[in-house]
Amino acid sequence: MTDTDLQLKKFQKELSAGTVSLTLLAVLARAGEPMYGYQIAKQLERFGEGVLSGKQSALYPVLRNLEASGLLGSHVEPSVAGPPRRYYRITAQGSDVLREWAAAWRATRDSVDSVLEGLIP
């Protein structure tokens, strides 16, 4: 692996750290109903390839952190085929935070895009 590849991998990891929580909240808000981890991961793959880059296990610590912050709620239901599943839903506070984070994301994206404009073919 080249130095350029390593630098890109590091940049993608740092960028991903800040966007995974935003995208998780957005997926749950869009769903309008509780979802379990695998369903959330599949939605992330469908809407935003590369958000978790196939690292579904990275999803669960973020879900737990969002729940501990009051942005998500959860409940466990038995599963017909396997262990019980934990279903997550966005809370009212989570919806408020999602609106704020989405606005911050758009402002940041627009600012970065304006700086990069004309530099990259």
PDB file of N, CA and C in Angstrom:
ATOM      1  N   MET A   1       0.859  -1.188   0.000  1.00  0.00           N
ATOM      2  CA  MET A   1       0.000   0.000   0.000  1.00  0.00           C
ATOM      3  C   MET A   1       0.896   1.240   0.000  1.00  0.00           C
ATOM      4  N   THR A   2       0.584   2.184  -0.856  1.00  0.00           N
ATOM      5  CA  THR A   2       1.397   3.387  -0.978  1.00  0.00           C
ATOM      6  C   THR A   2       1.067   4.380   0.129  1.00  0.00           C
ATOM      7  N   ASP A   3       1.921   5.379   0.283  1.00  0.00           N
ATOM      8  CA  ASP A   3       1.654   6.449   1.253  1.00  0.00           C
ATOM      9  C   ASP A   3       0.358   7.175   0.921  1.00  0.00           C
ATOM     10  N   THR A   4       0.111   7.377  -0.369  1.00  0.00           N
ATOM     11  CA  THR A   4      -1.118   8.046  -0.794  1.00  0.00           C
ATOM     12  C   THR A   4      -2.335   7.219  -0.382  1.00  0.00           C
ATOM     13  N   ASP A   5      -2.259   5.915  -0.562  1.00  0.00           N
ATOM     14  CA  ASP A   5      -3.359   5.029  -0.158  1.00  0.00           C
ATOM     15  C   ASP A   5      -3.587   5.103   1.347  1.00  0.00           C
ATOM     16  N   LEU A   6      -2.508   5.111   2.110  1.00  0.00           N
ATOM     17  CA  LEU A   6      -2.623   5.188   3.571  1.00  0.00           C
ATOM     18  C   LEU A   6      -3.230   6.520   4.010  1.00  0.00           C
ATOM     19  N   GLN A   7      -2.804   7.596   3.363  1.00  0.00           N
ATOM     20  CA  GLN A   7      -3.354   8.917   3.690  1.00  0.00           C
ATOM     21  C   GLN A   7      -4.850   8.979   3.363  1.00  0.00           C
ATOM     22  N   LEU A   8      -5.243   8.407   2.231  1.00  0.00           N
ATOM     23  CA  LEU A   8      -6.655   8.385   1.852  1.00  0.00           C
ATOM     24  C   LEU A   8      -7.464   7.572   2.860  1.00  0.00           C
ATOM     25  N   LYS A   9      -6.948   6.428   3.247  1.00  0.00           N
ATOM     26  CA  LYS A   9      -7.634   5.568   4.214  1.00  0.00           C
ATOM     27  C   LYS A   9      -7.821   6.304   5.544  1.00  0.00           C
ATOM     28  N   LYS A  10      -6.787   7.008   5.996  1.00  0.00           N
ATOM     29  CA  LYS A  10      -6.866   7.774   7.248  1.00  0.00           C
ATOM     30  C   LYS A  10      -7.900   8.894   7.124  1.00  0.00           C
ATOM     31  N   PHE A  11      -7.875   9.614   6.010  1.00  0.00           N
ATOM     32  CA  PHE A  11      -8.834  10.701   5.784  1.00  0.00           C
ATOM     33  C   PHE A  11     -10.260  10.167   5.779  1.00  0.00           C
ATOM     34  N   GLN A  12     -10.491   9.055   5.076  1.00  0.00           N
ATOM     35  CA  GLN A  12     -11.827   8.469   5.011  1.00  0.00           C
ATOM     36  C   GLN A  12     -12.308   8.040   6.400  1.00  0.00           C
ATOM     37  N   LYS A  13     -11.408   7.503   7.208  1.00  0.00           N
ATOM     38  CA  LYS A  13     -11.774   7.081   8.559  1.00  0.00           C
ATOM     39  C   LYS A  13     -12.168   8.287   9.405  1.00  0.00           C
ATOM     40  N   GLU A  14     -11.400   9.358   9.343  1.00  0.00           N
ATOM     41  CA  GLU A  14     -11.692  10.563  10.115  1.00  0.00           C
ATOM     42  C   GLU A  14     -12.996  11.219   9.639  1.00  0.00           C
ATOM     43  N   LEU A  15     -13.203  11.255   8.351  1.00  0.00           N
ATOM     44  CA  LEU A  15     -14.421  11.833   7.795  1.00  0.00           C
ATOM     45  C   LEU A  15     -15.638  11.001   8.183  1.00  0.00           C
ATOM     46  N   SER A  16     -15.499   9.703   8.128  1.00  0.00           N
ATOM     47  CA  SER A  16     -16.589   8.795   8.466  1.00  0.00           C
ATOM     48  C   SER A  16     -17.016   8.931   9.921  1.00  0.00           C
ATOM     49  N   ALA A  17     -16.071   9.162  10.809  1.00  0.00           N
ATOM     50  CA  ALA A  17     -16.377   9.245  12.238  1.00  0.00           C
ATOM     51  C   ALA A  17     -17.438  10.302  12.526  1.00  0.00           C
ATOM     52  N   GLY A  18     -17.417  11.389  11.811  1.00  0.00           N
ATOM     53  CA  GLY A  18     -18.378  12.450  12.053  1.00  0.00           C
ATOM     54  C   GLY A  18     -19.691  12.305  11.314  1.00  0.00           C
ATOM     55  N   THR A  19     -19.705  11.476  10.281  1.00  0.00           N
ATOM     56  CA  THR A  19     -20.911  11.387   9.466  1.00  0.00           C
ATOM     57  C   THR A  19     -21.785  10.174   9.778  1.00  0.00           C
ATOM     58  N   VAL A  20     -21.236   9.156  10.413  1.00  0.00           N
ATOM     59  CA  VAL A  20     -22.019   7.951  10.696  1.00  0.00           C
ATOM     60  C   VAL A  20     -23.203   8.267  11.597  1.00  0.00           C
ATOM     61  N   SER A  21     -22.999   9.046  12.653  1.00  0.00           N
ATOM     62  CA  SER A  21     -24.111   9.389  13.558  1.00  0.00           C
ATOM     63  C   SER A  21     -25.203  10.151  12.809  1.00  0.00           C
ATOM     64  N   LEU A  22     -24.801  11.086  11.981  1.00  0.00           N
ATOM     65  CA  LEU A  22     -25.763  11.853  11.192  1.00  0.00           C
ATOM     66  C   LEU A  22     -26.575  10.936  10.286  1.00  0.00           C
ATOM     67  N   THR A  23     -25.906  10.029   9.589  1.00  0.00           N
ATOM     68  CA  THR A  23     -26.617   9.157   8.662  1.00  0.00           C
ATOM     69  C   THR A  23     -27.498   8.148   9.396  1.00  0.00           C
ATOM     70  N   LEU A  24     -27.062   7.683  10.558  1.00  0.00           N
ATOM     71  CA  LEU A  24     -27.907   6.768  11.337  1.00  0.00           C
ATOM     72  C   LEU A  24     -29.203   7.443  11.761  1.00  0.00           C
ATOM     73  N   LEU A  25     -29.090   8.656  12.268  1.00  0.00           N
ATOM     74  CA  LEU A  25     -30.295   9.400  12.647  1.00  0.00           C
ATOM     75  C   LEU A  25     -31.204   9.612  11.439  1.00  0.00           C
ATOM     76  N   ALA A  26     -30.609   9.944  10.299  1.00  0.00           N
ATOM     77  CA  ALA A  26     -31.397  10.190   9.090  1.00  0.00           C
ATOM     78  C   ALA A  26     -32.112   8.930   8.612  1.00  0.00           C
ATOM     79  N   VAL A  27     -31.437   7.794   8.655  1.00  0.00           N
ATOM     80  CA  VAL A  27     -32.061   6.531   8.244  1.00  0.00           C
ATOM     81  C   VAL A  27     -33.255   6.221   9.133  1.00  0.00           C
ATOM     82  N   LEU A  28     -33.084   6.386  10.448  1.00  0.00           N
ATOM     83  CA  LEU A  28     -34.181   6.084  11.369  1.00  0.00           C
ATOM     84  C   LEU A  28     -35.326   7.089  11.232  1.00  0.00           C
ATOM     85  N   ALA A  29     -35.008   8.345  10.985  1.00  0.00           N
ATOM     86  CA  ALA A  29     -36.061   9.350  10.787  1.00  0.00           C
ATOM     87  C   ALA A  29     -36.837   9.046   9.508  1.00  0.00           C
ATOM     88  N   ARG A  30     -36.141   8.672   8.467  1.00  0.00           N
ATOM     89  CA  ARG A  30     -36.764   8.365   7.181  1.00  0.00           C
ATOM     90  C   ARG A  30     -37.652   7.128   7.290  1.00  0.00           C
ATOM     91  N   ALA A  31     -37.219   6.146   8.067  1.00  0.00           N
ATOM     92  CA  ALA A  31     -37.957   4.883   8.192  1.00  0.00           C
ATOM     93  C   ALA A  31     -39.319   5.097   8.853  1.00  0.00           C
ATOM     94  N   GLY A  32     -39.370   5.952   9.849  1.00  0.00           N
ATOM     95  CA  GLY A  32     -40.628   6.208  10.526  1.00  0.00           C
ATOM     96  C   GLY A  32     -41.093   5.074  11.420  1.00  0.00           C
ATOM     97  N   GLU A  33     -40.292   4.043  11.547  1.00  0.00           N
ATOM     98  CA  GLU A  33     -40.607   2.927  12.441  1.00  0.00           C
ATOM     99  C   GLU A  33     -39.303   2.350  12.984  1.00  0.00           C
ATOM    100  N   PRO A  34     -39.375   1.648  14.110  1.00  0.00           N
ATOM    101  CA  PRO A  34     -38.153   1.073  14.674  1.00  0.00           C
ATOM    102  C   PRO A  34     -37.493   0.075  13.713  1.00  0.00           C
ATOM    103  N   MET A  35     -36.178   0.048  13.751  1.00  0.00           N
ATOM    104  CA  MET A  35     -35.399  -0.861  12.908  1.00  0.00           C
ATOM    105  C   MET A  35     -34.307  -1.508  13.750  1.00  0.00           C
ATOM    106  N   TYR A  36     -33.921  -2.722  13.383  1.00  0.00           N
ATOM    107  CA  TYR A  36     -32.795  -3.356  14.065  1.00  0.00           C
ATOM    108  C   TYR A  36     -31.527  -3.150  13.241  1.00  0.00           C
ATOM    109  N   GLY A  37     -30.395  -3.439  13.852  1.00  0.00           N
ATOM    110  CA  GLY A  37     -29.101  -3.095  13.275  1.00  0.00           C
ATOM    111  C   GLY A  37     -28.889  -3.519  11.841  1.00  0.00           C
ATOM    112  N   TYR A  38     -29.225  -4.761  11.508  1.00  0.00           N
ATOM    113  CA  TYR A  38     -29.009  -5.240  10.149  1.00  0.00           C
ATOM    114  C   TYR A  38     -29.838  -4.444   9.146  1.00  0.00           C
ATOM    115  N   GLN A  39     -31.078  -4.123   9.515  1.00  0.00           N
ATOM    116  CA  GLN A  39     -31.930  -3.317   8.626  1.00  0.00           C
ATOM    117  C   GLN A  39     -31.316  -1.933   8.402  1.00  0.00           C
ATOM    118  N   ILE A  40     -30.806  -1.344   9.472  1.00  0.00           N
ATOM    119  CA  ILE A  40     -30.178  -0.022   9.375  1.00  0.00           C
ATOM    120  C   ILE A  40     -28.964  -0.091   8.461  1.00  0.00           C
ATOM    121  N   ALA A  41     -28.139  -1.114   8.647  1.00  0.00           N
ATOM    122  CA  ALA A  41     -26.937  -1.277   7.815  1.00  0.00           C
ATOM    123  C   ALA A  41     -27.306  -1.411   6.345  1.00  0.00           C
ATOM    124  N   LYS A  42     -28.365  -2.171   6.051  1.00  0.00           N
ATOM    125  CA  LYS A  42     -28.800  -2.340   4.661  1.00  0.00           C
ATOM    126  C   LYS A  42     -29.290  -1.015   4.074  1.00  0.00           C
ATOM    127  N   GLN A  43     -29.983  -0.213   4.862  1.00  0.00           N
ATOM    128  CA  GLN A  43     -30.423   1.104   4.389  1.00  0.00           C
ATOM    129  C   GLN A  43     -29.217   2.012   4.131  1.00  0.00           C
ATOM    130  N   LEU A  44     -28.229   1.959   5.004  1.00  0.00           N
ATOM    131  CA  LEU A  44     -27.020   2.764   4.792  1.00  0.00           C
ATOM    132  C   LEU A  44     -26.331   2.361   3.490  1.00  0.00           C
ATOM    133  N   GLU A  45     -26.283   1.064   3.228  1.00  0.00           N
ATOM    134  CA  GLU A  45     -25.678   0.602   1.975  1.00  0.00           C
ATOM    135  C   GLU A  45     -26.488   1.095   0.786  1.00  0.00           C
ATOM    136  N   ARG A  46     -27.800   1.068   0.914  1.00  0.00           N
ATOM    137  CA  ARG A  46     -28.680   1.471  -0.191  1.00  0.00           C
ATOM    138  C   ARG A  46     -28.555   2.962  -0.495  1.00  0.00           C
ATOM    139  N   PHE A  47     -28.555   3.773   0.549  1.00  0.00           N
ATOM    140  CA  PHE A  47     -28.547   5.224   0.346  1.00  0.00           C
ATOM    141  C   PHE A  47     -27.152   5.796   0.183  1.00  0.00           C
ATOM    142  N   GLY A  48     -26.211   5.283   0.943  1.00  0.00           N
ATOM    143  CA  GLY A  48     -24.894   5.911   0.951  1.00  0.00           C
ATOM    144  C   GLY A  48     -23.777   4.924   0.994  1.00  0.00           C
ATOM    145  N   GLU A  49     -23.451   4.403  -0.156  1.00  0.00           N
ATOM    146  CA  GLU A  49     -22.355   3.449  -0.221  1.00  0.00           C
ATOM    147  C   GLU A  49     -21.095   4.081   0.362  1.00  0.00           C
ATOM    148  N   GLY A  50     -20.439   3.357   1.233  1.00  0.00           N
ATOM    149  CA  GLY A  50     -19.189   3.844   1.795  1.00  0.00           C
ATOM    150  C   GLY A  50     -19.315   4.484   3.158  1.00  0.00           C
ATOM    151  N   VAL A  51     -20.531   4.730   3.654  1.00  0.00           N
ATOM    152  CA  VAL A  51     -20.665   5.369   4.965  1.00  0.00           C
ATOM    153  C   VAL A  51     -20.038   4.494   6.036  1.00  0.00           C
ATOM    154  N   LEU A  52     -20.312   3.215   5.978  1.00  0.00           N
ATOM    155  CA  LEU A  52     -19.678   2.283   6.912  1.00  0.00           C
ATOM    156  C   LEU A  52     -18.705   1.348   6.204  1.00  0.00           C
ATOM    157  N   SER A  53     -18.643   1.398   4.908  1.00  0.00           N
ATOM    158  CA  SER A  53     -17.718   0.597   4.109  1.00  0.00           C
ATOM    159  C   SER A  53     -17.711  -0.876   4.503  1.00  0.00           C
ATOM    160  N   GLY A  54     -18.889  -1.459   4.648  1.00  0.00           N
ATOM    161  CA  GLY A  54     -18.974  -2.879   4.959  1.00  0.00           C
ATOM    162  C   GLY A  54     -18.608  -3.253   6.383  1.00  0.00           C
ATOM    163  N   LYS A  55     -18.455  -2.283   7.252  1.00  0.00           N
ATOM    164  CA  LYS A  55     -18.093  -2.559   8.645  1.00  0.00           C
ATOM    165  C   LYS A  55     -19.332  -2.446   9.517  1.00  0.00           C
ATOM    166  N   GLN A  56     -20.219  -3.418   9.373  1.00  0.00           N
ATOM    167  CA  GLN A  56     -21.483  -3.383  10.098  1.00  0.00           C
ATOM    168  C   GLN A  56     -21.272  -3.378  11.605  1.00  0.00           C
ATOM    169  N   SER A  57     -20.212  -4.029  12.079  1.00  0.00           N
ATOM    170  CA  SER A  57     -19.960  -4.075  13.526  1.00  0.00           C
ATOM    171  C   SER A  57     -19.709  -2.682  14.095  1.00  0.00           C
ATOM    172  N   ALA A  58     -19.231  -1.755  13.263  1.00  0.00           N
ATOM    173  CA  ALA A  58     -18.979  -0.381  13.715  1.00  0.00           C
ATOM    174  C   ALA A  58     -20.280   0.364  13.999  1.00  0.00           C
ATOM    175  N   LEU A  59     -21.371  -0.148  13.483  1.00  0.00           N
ATOM    176  CA  LEU A  59     -22.676   0.474  13.659  1.00  0.00           C
ATOM    177  C   LEU A  59     -23.153   0.415  15.117  1.00  0.00           C
ATOM    178  N   TYR A  60     -22.938  -0.703  15.772  1.00  0.00           N
ATOM    179  CA  TYR A  60     -23.521  -0.925  17.092  1.00  0.00           C
ATOM    180  C   TYR A  60     -22.990  -0.006  18.188  1.00  0.00           C
ATOM    181  N   PRO A  61     -21.698   0.256  18.251  1.00  0.00           N
ATOM    182  CA  PRO A  61     -21.238   1.224  19.260  1.00  0.00           C
ATOM    183  C   PRO A  61     -21.825   2.625  19.047  1.00  0.00           C
ATOM    184  N   VAL A  62     -21.994   3.012  17.783  1.00  0.00           N
ATOM    185  CA  VAL A  62     -22.572   4.330  17.490  1.00  0.00           C
ATOM    186  C   VAL A  62     -24.039   4.354  17.914  1.00  0.00           C
ATOM    187  N   LEU A  63     -24.774   3.289  17.620  1.00  0.00           N
ATOM    188  CA  LEU A  63     -26.171   3.209  18.054  1.00  0.00           C
ATOM    189  C   LEU A  63     -26.272   3.313  19.575  1.00  0.00           C
ATOM    190  N   ARG A  64     -25.400   2.602  20.292  1.00  0.00           N
ATOM    191  CA  ARG A  64     -25.415   2.661  21.765  1.00  0.00           C
ATOM    192  C   ARG A  64     -25.097   4.068  22.271  1.00  0.00           C
ATOM    193  N   ASN A  65     -24.141   4.727  21.635  1.00  0.00           N
ATOM    194  CA  ASN A  65     -23.788   6.100  22.042  1.00  0.00           C
ATOM    195  C   ASN A  65     -24.946   7.066  21.784  1.00  0.00           C
ATOM    196  N   LEU A  66     -25.607   6.923  20.649  1.00  0.00           N
ATOM    197  CA  LEU A  66     -26.747   7.790  20.341  1.00  0.00           C
ATOM    198  C   LEU A  66     -27.888   7.545  21.323  1.00  0.00           C
ATOM    199  N   GLU A  67     -28.068   6.297  21.712  1.00  0.00           N
ATOM    200  CA  GLU A  67     -29.107   5.988  22.695  1.00  0.00           C
ATOM    201  C   GLU A  67     -28.738   6.567  24.068  1.00  0.00           C
ATOM    202  N   ALA A  68     -27.493   6.427  24.466  1.00  0.00           N
ATOM    203  CA  ALA A  68     -27.039   6.967  25.751  1.00  0.00           C
ATOM    204  C   ALA A  68     -27.186   8.483  25.796  1.00  0.00           C
ATOM    205  N   SER A  69     -27.116   9.127  24.632  1.00  0.00           N
ATOM    206  CA  SER A  69     -27.275  10.583  24.539  1.00  0.00           C
ATOM    207  C   SER A  69     -28.734  11.012  24.472  1.00  0.00           C
ATOM    208  N   GLY A  70     -29.645  10.056  24.435  1.00  0.00           N
ATOM    209  CA  GLY A  70     -31.066  10.377  24.378  1.00  0.00           C
ATOM    210  C   GLY A  70     -31.596  10.641  22.981  1.00  0.00           C
ATOM    211  N   LEU A  71     -30.773  10.383  21.956  1.00  0.00           N
ATOM    212  CA  LEU A  71     -31.186  10.662  20.585  1.00  0.00           C
ATOM    213  C   LEU A  71     -31.934   9.488  19.961  1.00  0.00           C
ATOM    214  N   LEU A  72     -31.733   8.305  20.534  1.00  0.00           N
ATOM    215  CA  LEU A  72     -32.430   7.103  20.102  1.00  0.00           C
ATOM    216  C   LEU A  72     -33.032   6.408  21.311  1.00  0.00           C
ATOM    217  N   GLY A  73     -34.096   5.684  21.075  1.00  0.00           N
ATOM    218  CA  GLY A  73     -34.655   4.780  22.069  1.00  0.00           C
ATOM    219  C   GLY A  73     -34.580   3.384  21.485  1.00  0.00           C
ATOM    220  N   SER A  74     -34.701   2.364  22.322  1.00  0.00           N
ATOM    221  CA  SER A  74     -34.664   1.001  21.799  1.00  0.00           C
ATOM    222  C   SER A  74     -35.514   0.076  22.650  1.00  0.00           C
ATOM    223  N   HIS A  75     -35.855  -1.047  22.052  1.00  0.00           N
ATOM    224  CA  HIS A  75     -36.518  -2.125  22.775  1.00  0.00           C
ATOM    225  C   HIS A  75     -36.104  -3.438  22.127  1.00  0.00           C
ATOM    226  N   VAL A  76     -36.205  -4.523  22.903  1.00  0.00           N
ATOM    227  CA  VAL A  76     -35.812  -5.840  22.414  1.00  0.00           C
ATOM    228  C   VAL A  76     -37.062  -6.659  22.145  1.00  0.00           C
ATOM    229  N   GLU A  77     -37.062  -7.358  21.012  1.00  0.00           N
ATOM    230  CA  GLU A  77     -38.156  -8.258  20.662  1.00  0.00           C
ATOM    231  C   GLU A  77     -37.572  -9.625  20.334  1.00  0.00           C
ATOM    232  N   PRO A  78     -38.293 -10.692  20.691  1.00  0.00           N
ATOM    233  CA  PRO A  78     -37.821 -12.029  20.310  1.00  0.00           C
ATOM    234  C   PRO A  78     -37.808 -12.176  18.789  1.00  0.00           C
ATOM    235  N   SER A  79     -36.935 -13.022  18.301  1.00  0.00           N
ATOM    236  CA  SER A  79     -36.836 -13.271  16.866  1.00  0.00           C
ATOM    237  C   SER A  79     -37.201 -14.724  16.590  1.00  0.00           C
ATOM    238  N   VAL A  80     -37.924 -14.948  15.513  1.00  0.00           N
ATOM    239  CA  VAL A  80     -38.312 -16.305  15.137  1.00  0.00           C
ATOM    240  C   VAL A  80     -37.076 -17.105  14.732  1.00  0.00           C
ATOM    241  N   ALA A  81     -36.158 -16.447  14.052  1.00  0.00           N
ATOM    242  CA  ALA A  81     -34.970 -17.136  13.533  1.00  0.00           C
ATOM    243  C   ALA A  81     -33.700 -16.579  14.168  1.00  0.00           C
ATOM    244  N   GLY A  82     -33.455 -16.919  15.424  1.00  0.00           N
ATOM    245  CA  GLY A  82     -32.212 -16.492  16.046  1.00  0.00           C
ATOM    246  C   GLY A  82     -32.433 -15.769  17.350  1.00  0.00           C
ATOM    247  N   PRO A  83     -31.394 -15.070  17.795  1.00  0.00           N
ATOM    248  CA  PRO A  83     -31.480 -14.366  19.081  1.00  0.00           C
ATOM    249  C   PRO A  83     -32.433 -13.167  19.009  1.00  0.00           C
ATOM    250  N   PRO A  84     -32.831 -12.642  20.161  1.00  0.00           N
ATOM    251  CA  PRO A  84     -33.690 -11.455  20.164  1.00  0.00           C
ATOM    252  C   PRO A  84     -33.023 -10.292  19.432  1.00  0.00           C
ATOM    253  N   ARG A  85     -33.837  -9.401  18.904  1.00  0.00           N
ATOM    254  CA  ARG A  85     -33.320  -8.239  18.169  1.00  0.00           C
ATOM    255  C   ARG A  85     -33.638  -6.965  18.930  1.00  0.00           C
ATOM    256  N   ARG A  86     -32.669  -6.050  18.927  1.00  0.00           N
ATOM    257  CA  ARG A  86     -32.880  -4.727  19.516  1.00  0.00           C
ATOM    258  C   ARG A  86     -33.293  -3.781  18.397  1.00  0.00           C
ATOM    259  N   TYR A  87     -34.456  -3.180  18.559  1.00  0.00           N
ATOM    260  CA  TYR A  87     -34.998  -2.229  17.590  1.00  0.00           C
ATOM    261  C   TYR A  87     -34.754  -0.812  18.090  1.00  0.00           C
ATOM    262  N   TYR A  88     -34.270   0.040  17.198  1.00  0.00           N
ATOM    263  CA  TYR A  88     -33.973   1.431  17.525  1.00  0.00           C
ATOM    264  C   TYR A  88     -34.970   2.354  16.833  1.00  0.00           C
ATOM    265  N   ARG A  89     -35.294   3.459  17.488  1.00  0.00           N
ATOM    266  CA  ARG A  89     -36.143   4.498  16.909  1.00  0.00           C
ATOM    267  C   ARG A  89     -35.548   5.843  17.307  1.00  0.00           C
ATOM    268  N   ILE A  90     -35.775   6.833  16.482  1.00  0.00           N
ATOM    269  CA  ILE A  90     -35.295   8.178  16.786  1.00  0.00           C
ATOM    270  C   ILE A  90     -36.258   8.827  17.785  1.00  0.00           C
ATOM    271  N   THR A  91     -35.719   9.555  18.741  1.00  0.00           N
ATOM    272  CA  THR A  91     -36.546  10.259  19.727  1.00  0.00           C
ATOM    273  C   THR A  91     -36.837  11.670  19.225  1.00  0.00           C
ATOM    274  N   ALA A  92     -37.704  12.378  19.945  1.00  0.00           N
ATOM    275  CA  ALA A  92     -37.989  13.781  19.596  1.00  0.00           C
ATOM    276  C   ALA A  92     -36.703  14.603  19.673  1.00  0.00           C
ATOM    277  N   GLN A  93     -35.908  14.370  20.713  1.00  0.00           N
ATOM    278  CA  GLN A  93     -34.623  15.075  20.839  1.00  0.00           C
ATOM    279  C   GLN A  93     -33.721  14.709  19.661  1.00  0.00           C
ATOM    280  N   GLY A  94     -33.739  13.444  19.257  1.00  0.00           N
ATOM    281  CA  GLY A  94     -32.943  13.003  18.113  1.00  0.00           C
ATOM    282  C   GLY A  94     -33.354  13.708  16.834  1.00  0.00           C
ATOM    283  N   SER A  95     -34.658  13.900  16.654  1.00  0.00           N
ATOM    284  CA  SER A  95     -35.150  14.621  15.468  1.00  0.00           C
ATOM    285  C   SER A  95     -34.685  16.074  15.470  1.00  0.00           C
ATOM    286  N   ASP A  96     -34.708  16.706  16.647  1.00  0.00           N
ATOM    287  CA  ASP A  96     -34.220  18.087  16.758  1.00  0.00           C
ATOM    288  C   ASP A  96     -32.734  18.162  16.424  1.00  0.00           C
ATOM    289  N   VAL A  97     -31.967  17.228  16.983  1.00  0.00           N
ATOM    290  CA  VAL A  97     -30.522  17.201  16.740  1.00  0.00           C
ATOM    291  C   VAL A  97     -30.245  16.902  15.273  1.00  0.00           C
ATOM    292  N   LEU A  98     -31.015  16.011  14.677  1.00  0.00           N
ATOM    293  CA  LEU A  98     -30.834  15.693  13.255  1.00  0.00           C
ATOM    294  C   LEU A  98     -30.996  16.947  12.403  1.00  0.00           C
ATOM    295  N   ARG A  99     -32.005  17.752  12.683  1.00  0.00           N
ATOM    296  CA  ARG A  99     -32.189  18.999  11.915  1.00  0.00           C
ATOM    297  C   ARG A  99     -30.964  19.909  12.056  1.00  0.00           C
ATOM    298  N   GLU A 100     -30.460  20.047  13.277  1.00  0.00           N
ATOM    299  CA  GLU A 100     -29.284  20.901  13.510  1.00  0.00           C
ATOM    300  C   GLU A 100     -28.049  20.341  12.815  1.00  0.00           C
ATOM    301  N   TRP A 101     -27.811  19.046  12.955  1.00  0.00           N
ATOM    302  CA  TRP A 101     -26.644  18.420  12.335  1.00  0.00           C
ATOM    303  C   TRP A 101     -26.729  18.482  10.819  1.00  0.00           C
ATOM    304  N   ALA A 102     -27.928  18.278  10.259  1.00  0.00           N
ATOM    305  CA  ALA A 102     -28.086  18.326   8.804  1.00  0.00           C
ATOM    306  C   ALA A 102     -27.764  19.724   8.282  1.00  0.00           C
ATOM    307  N   ALA A 103     -28.216  20.753   8.998  1.00  0.00           N
ATOM    308  CA  ALA A 103     -27.908  22.130   8.599  1.00  0.00           C
ATOM    309  C   ALA A 103     -26.400  22.384   8.679  1.00  0.00           C
ATOM    310  N   ALA A 104     -25.771  21.894   9.742  1.00  0.00           N
ATOM    311  CA  ALA A 104     -24.320  22.061   9.894  1.00  0.00           C
ATOM    312  C   ALA A 104     -23.576  21.311   8.789  1.00  0.00           C
ATOM    313  N   TRP A 105     -24.046  20.101   8.462  1.00  0.00           N
ATOM    314  CA  TRP A 105     -23.433  19.317   7.387  1.00  0.00           C
ATOM    315  C   TRP A 105     -23.521  20.066   6.066  1.00  0.00           C
ATOM    316  N   ARG A 106     -24.716  20.587   5.739  1.00  0.00           N
ATOM    317  CA  ARG A 106     -24.888  21.287   4.462  1.00  0.00           C
ATOM    318  C   ARG A 106     -23.995  22.529   4.384  1.00  0.00           C
ATOM    319  N   ALA A 107     -23.913  23.264   5.480  1.00  0.00           N
ATOM    320  CA  ALA A 107     -23.066  24.460   5.504  1.00  0.00           C
ATOM    321  C   ALA A 107     -21.597  24.076   5.311  1.00  0.00           C
ATOM    322  N   THR A 108     -21.176  23.016   5.987  1.00  0.00           N
ATOM    323  CA  THR A 108     -19.788  22.559   5.858  1.00  0.00           C
ATOM    324  C   THR A 108     -19.521  22.066   4.445  1.00  0.00           C
ATOM    325  N   ARG A 109     -20.439  21.260   3.925  1.00  0.00           N
ATOM    326  CA  ARG A 109     -20.282  20.729   2.565  1.00  0.00           C
ATOM    327  C   ARG A 109     -20.184  21.867   1.550  1.00  0.00           C
ATOM    328  N   ASP A 110     -21.080  22.844   1.666  1.00  0.00           N
ATOM    329  CA  ASP A 110     -21.075  23.967   0.729  1.00  0.00           C
ATOM    330  C   ASP A 110     -19.776  24.760   0.823  1.00  0.00           C
ATOM    331  N   SER A 111     -19.296  24.956   2.046  1.00  0.00           N
ATOM    332  CA  SER A 111     -18.055  25.701   2.245  1.00  0.00           C
ATOM    333  C   SER A 111     -16.863  24.954   1.643  1.00  0.00           C
ATOM    334  N   VAL A 112     -16.781  23.668   1.908  1.00  0.00           N
ATOM    335  CA  VAL A 112     -15.682  22.871   1.358  1.00  0.00           C
ATOM    336  C   VAL A 112     -15.775  22.833  -0.163  1.00  0.00           C
ATOM    337  N   ASP A 113     -16.986  22.636  -0.690  1.00  0.00           N
ATOM    338  CA  ASP A 113     -17.160  22.621  -2.139  1.00  0.00           C
ATOM    339  C   ASP A 113     -16.699  23.926  -2.777  1.00  0.00           C
ATOM    340  N   SER A 114     -16.993  25.054  -2.131  1.00  0.00           N
ATOM    341  CA  SER A 114     -16.587  26.337  -2.721  1.00  0.00           C
ATOM    342  C   SER A 114     -15.065  26.503  -2.701  1.00  0.00           C
ATOM    343  N   VAL A 115     -14.419  25.968  -1.676  1.00  0.00           N
ATOM    344  CA  VAL A 115     -12.950  26.034  -1.632  1.00  0.00           C
ATOM    345  C   VAL A 115     -12.346  25.114  -2.694  1.00  0.00           C
ATOM    346  N   LEU A 116     -12.938  23.945  -2.878  1.00  0.00           N
ATOM    347  CA  LEU A 116     -12.403  22.973  -3.826  1.00  0.00           C
ATOM    348  C   LEU A 116     -12.756  23.268  -5.284  1.00  0.00           C
ATOM    349  N   GLU A 117     -13.735  24.117  -5.505  1.00  0.00           N
ATOM    350  CA  GLU A 117     -14.214  24.391  -6.867  1.00  0.00           C
ATOM    351  C   GLU A 117     -13.067  24.800  -7.781  1.00  0.00           C
ATOM    352  N   GLY A 118     -13.002  24.116  -8.906  1.00  0.00           N
ATOM    353  CA  GLY A 118     -11.980  24.429  -9.899  1.00  0.00           C
ATOM    354  C   GLY A 118     -10.647  23.738  -9.663  1.00  0.00           C
ATOM    355  N   LEU A 119     -10.463  23.114  -8.503  1.00  0.00           N
ATOM    356  CA  LEU A 119      -9.181  22.446  -8.227  1.00  0.00           C
ATOM    357  C   LEU A 119      -9.123  21.024  -8.740  1.00  0.00           C
ATOM    358  N   ILE A 120     -10.269  20.362  -8.711  1.00  0.00           N
ATOM    359  CA  ILE A 120     -10.292  18.949  -9.028  1.00  0.00           C
ATOM    360  C   ILE A 120     -11.045  18.739 -10.335  1.00  0.00           C
ATOM    361  N   PRO A 121     -10.388  18.115 -11.306  1.00  0.00           N
ATOM    362  CA  PRO A 121     -11.045  17.911 -12.607  1.00  0.00           C
ATOM    363  C   PRO A 121     -12.209  16.943 -12.502  1.00  0.00           C
TER     364      PRO A 121
END
